[in-house]
Amino acid sequence: MAAPGSLGLLHAPSFTAAKCQPVASRPGARRAPRPLLAVRASAADAANKDAVLRAFRENRALKIISGLQNFDRSSVASVVTAADKGGATHVDIACDEDLVKLALNLTTLPICVSSVDPSAVHSAVQAGAKWLRLETMIPSTRWASSSLLSRY
């Protein structure tokens, strides 16, 4: 059972960017139903994980989202800067390596990346994203979201 205020994310295994890769890119990968990402747990960054999730545990988290498909550098920079100055605890940007690097130059807030394409995740995590949100279109036209913590 998830701890109060954890949103159930604490039980997801943490993973290191160098060890995170799409399952389909591994040699001998089958096309049967499988997880989208191969993930190895790492206990080395438990303090970092705790720092990122602290605001959620304390029910004071404010994650500002620039947009799932907003790849405009100027717009993303404005949103990230406003989030940083406005007291946000996290910022969520489109899943792009260059946008992650841009955001990291503008703020010390944890960066979440959102994508509908799991193959884009690896480079964004290597660039420094702390959190992943994969969006999936369900046949009923509703969106489903899955958040994963990364680099812990």
Protein backbone atom coordinates (compact mmCIF):
# COMPACT_ATOMS: atom_id res chain seq x y z
CA MET A 1 0.00 0.00 0.00
CA ALA A 2 1.30 3.46 -0.87
CA ALA A 3 2.28 5.87 1.85
CA PRO A 4 -0.08 8.81 2.43
CA GLY A 5 0.73 11.62 0.02
CA SER A 6 2.96 9.43 -2.14
CA LEU A 7 0.51 9.04 -5.02
CA GLY A 8 1.65 5.42 -5.19
CA LEU A 9 4.89 6.45 -6.90
CA LEU A 10 7.23 5.40 -4.13
CA HIS A 11 6.85 1.74 -4.96
CA ALA A 12 7.97 2.19 -8.57
CA PRO A 13 11.58 1.06 -9.00
CA SER A 14 14.04 3.85 -9.42
CA PHE A 15 16.27 3.82 -12.42
CA THR A 16 19.48 5.22 -13.76
CA ALA A 17 19.57 6.84 -17.18
CA ALA A 18 22.41 4.70 -18.43
CA LYS A 19 20.41 1.56 -17.68
CA CYS A 20 17.06 2.75 -19.06
CA GLN A 21 16.38 1.67 -22.62
CA PRO A 22 13.34 0.74 -24.69
CA VAL A 23 12.72 -3.00 -24.50
CA ALA A 24 12.42 -3.21 -28.30
CA SER A 25 16.01 -1.96 -28.69
CA ARG A 26 17.48 -4.85 -26.70
CA PRO A 27 18.88 -7.77 -28.69
CA GLY A 28 16.39 -10.64 -28.94
CA ALA A 29 13.41 -8.52 -27.85
CA ARG A 30 10.08 -10.15 -28.72
CA ARG A 31 6.94 -8.38 -29.86
CA ALA A 32 4.78 -9.99 -27.14
CA PRO A 33 3.09 -7.70 -24.57
CA ARG A 34 5.95 -6.44 -22.43
CA PRO A 35 6.90 -3.38 -20.44
CA LEU A 36 7.88 -0.37 -22.52
CA LEU A 37 11.13 0.22 -20.66
CA ALA A 38 13.73 -2.03 -19.11
CA VAL A 39 14.53 -0.55 -15.72
CA ARG A 40 17.10 -1.44 -13.10
CA ALA A 41 16.64 -0.25 -9.55
CA SER A 42 19.32 1.86 -7.92
CA ALA A 43 19.34 2.63 -4.21
CA ALA A 44 22.23 5.09 -4.52
CA ASP A 45 20.09 8.19 -4.89
CA ALA A 46 17.44 7.60 -2.20
CA ALA A 47 18.02 11.06 -0.70
CA ASN A 48 17.48 12.69 -4.10
CA LYS A 49 14.25 10.72 -4.58
CA ASP A 50 13.05 11.82 -1.17
CA ALA A 51 13.82 15.47 -1.97
CA VAL A 52 11.84 15.31 -5.22
CA LEU A 53 8.82 13.68 -3.56
CA ARG A 54 8.86 15.66 -0.31
CA ALA A 55 6.44 18.32 -1.57
CA PHE A 56 3.94 15.61 -2.55
CA ARG A 57 4.21 13.92 0.84
CA GLU A 58 3.63 17.26 2.55
CA ASN A 59 0.60 18.00 0.32
CA ARG A 60 2.16 21.23 -0.97
CA ALA A 61 3.28 20.19 -4.45
CA LEU A 62 2.70 22.50 -7.41
CA LYS A 63 3.82 21.10 -10.76
CA ILE A 64 3.62 23.60 -13.63
CA ILE A 65 3.10 22.02 -17.06
CA SER A 66 4.34 23.75 -20.22
CA GLY A 67 2.57 21.32 -22.54
CA LEU A 68 2.95 17.80 -23.85
CA GLN A 69 3.55 19.02 -27.41
CA ASN A 70 5.11 22.41 -26.67
CA PHE A 71 8.57 22.23 -28.23
CA ASP A 72 8.92 26.02 -28.64
CA ARG A 73 12.09 26.92 -26.72
CA SER A 74 10.98 30.48 -25.98
CA SER A 75 7.61 29.37 -24.64
CA VAL A 76 9.11 26.59 -22.52
CA ALA A 77 11.74 28.98 -21.15
CA SER A 78 9.00 31.45 -20.15
CA VAL A 79 6.98 28.74 -18.39
CA VAL A 80 10.01 27.32 -16.58
CA THR A 81 11.16 30.77 -15.44
CA ALA A 82 7.66 31.69 -14.24
CA ALA A 83 7.35 28.36 -12.39
CA ASP A 84 10.70 28.92 -10.69
CA LYS A 85 9.90 32.50 -9.65
CA GLY A 86 6.29 31.70 -8.77
CA GLY A 87 7.03 29.09 -6.14
CA ALA A 88 6.34 25.86 -8.03
CA THR A 89 7.88 22.68 -6.67
CA HIS A 90 8.23 20.89 -10.04
CA VAL A 91 8.07 21.72 -13.75
CA ASP A 92 6.76 19.45 -16.53
CA ILE A 93 7.98 19.92 -20.12
CA ALA A 94 7.76 18.06 -23.43
CA CYS A 95 10.12 15.09 -23.68
CA ASP A 96 13.10 16.50 -25.56
CA GLU A 97 16.78 16.37 -24.65
CA ASP A 98 17.44 20.00 -25.64
CA LEU A 99 14.41 21.25 -23.68
CA VAL A 100 15.61 19.38 -20.59
CA LYS A 101 19.03 21.02 -20.89
CA LEU A 102 17.36 24.42 -21.36
CA ALA A 103 15.16 23.92 -18.29
CA LEU A 104 18.09 22.78 -16.15
CA ASN A 105 19.92 26.00 -17.06
CA LEU A 106 16.92 28.06 -15.92
CA THR A 107 15.88 26.35 -12.68
CA THR A 108 16.87 23.97 -9.91
CA LEU A 109 13.33 22.55 -9.76
CA PRO A 110 12.95 18.84 -10.57
CA ILE A 111 12.17 18.42 -14.28
CA CYS A 112 9.39 16.08 -15.38
CA VAL A 113 9.17 15.15 -19.06
CA SER A 114 5.95 14.05 -20.74
CA SER A 115 5.66 12.03 -23.91
CA VAL A 116 3.43 9.75 -25.93
CA ASP A 117 6.54 8.15 -27.46
CA PRO A 118 8.47 5.85 -25.10
CA SER A 119 11.49 5.88 -27.43
CA ALA A 120 12.05 9.59 -26.65
CA VAL A 121 12.47 8.94 -22.93
CA HIS A 122 16.06 7.66 -22.83
CA SER A 123 17.73 10.83 -24.14
CA ALA A 124 15.61 13.08 -21.91
CA VAL A 125 16.54 11.07 -18.82
CA GLN A 126 20.21 11.15 -19.79
CA ALA A 127 19.92 14.93 -20.16
CA GLY A 128 18.75 15.20 -16.53
CA ALA A 129 14.99 14.68 -16.30
CA LYS A 130 14.01 13.47 -12.83
CA TRP A 131 10.55 12.20 -13.63
CA LEU A 132 8.73 10.71 -16.62
CA ARG A 133 5.08 10.87 -17.59
CA LEU A 134 3.99 8.61 -20.45
CA GLU A 135 0.63 9.45 -21.99
CA THR A 136 -1.40 6.80 -23.78
CA MET A 137 -4.53 7.24 -25.85
CA ILE A 138 -7.22 4.79 -24.75
CA PRO A 139 -9.78 3.72 -27.41
CA SER A 140 -12.55 5.63 -25.62
CA THR A 141 -10.52 8.80 -26.46
CA ARG A 142 -9.59 9.36 -22.85
CA TRP A 143 -5.97 9.89 -21.93
CA ALA A 144 -4.23 7.70 -19.40
CA SER A 145 -1.05 8.80 -17.71
CA SER A 146 1.70 6.85 -16.02
CA SER A 147 4.38 8.60 -14.00
CA LEU A 148 7.76 7.07 -13.31
CA LEU A 149 10.52 8.49 -11.19
CA SER A 150 13.91 8.42 -12.80
CA ARG A 151 17.57 8.74 -11.90
CA TYR A 152 17.18 7.75 -8.26
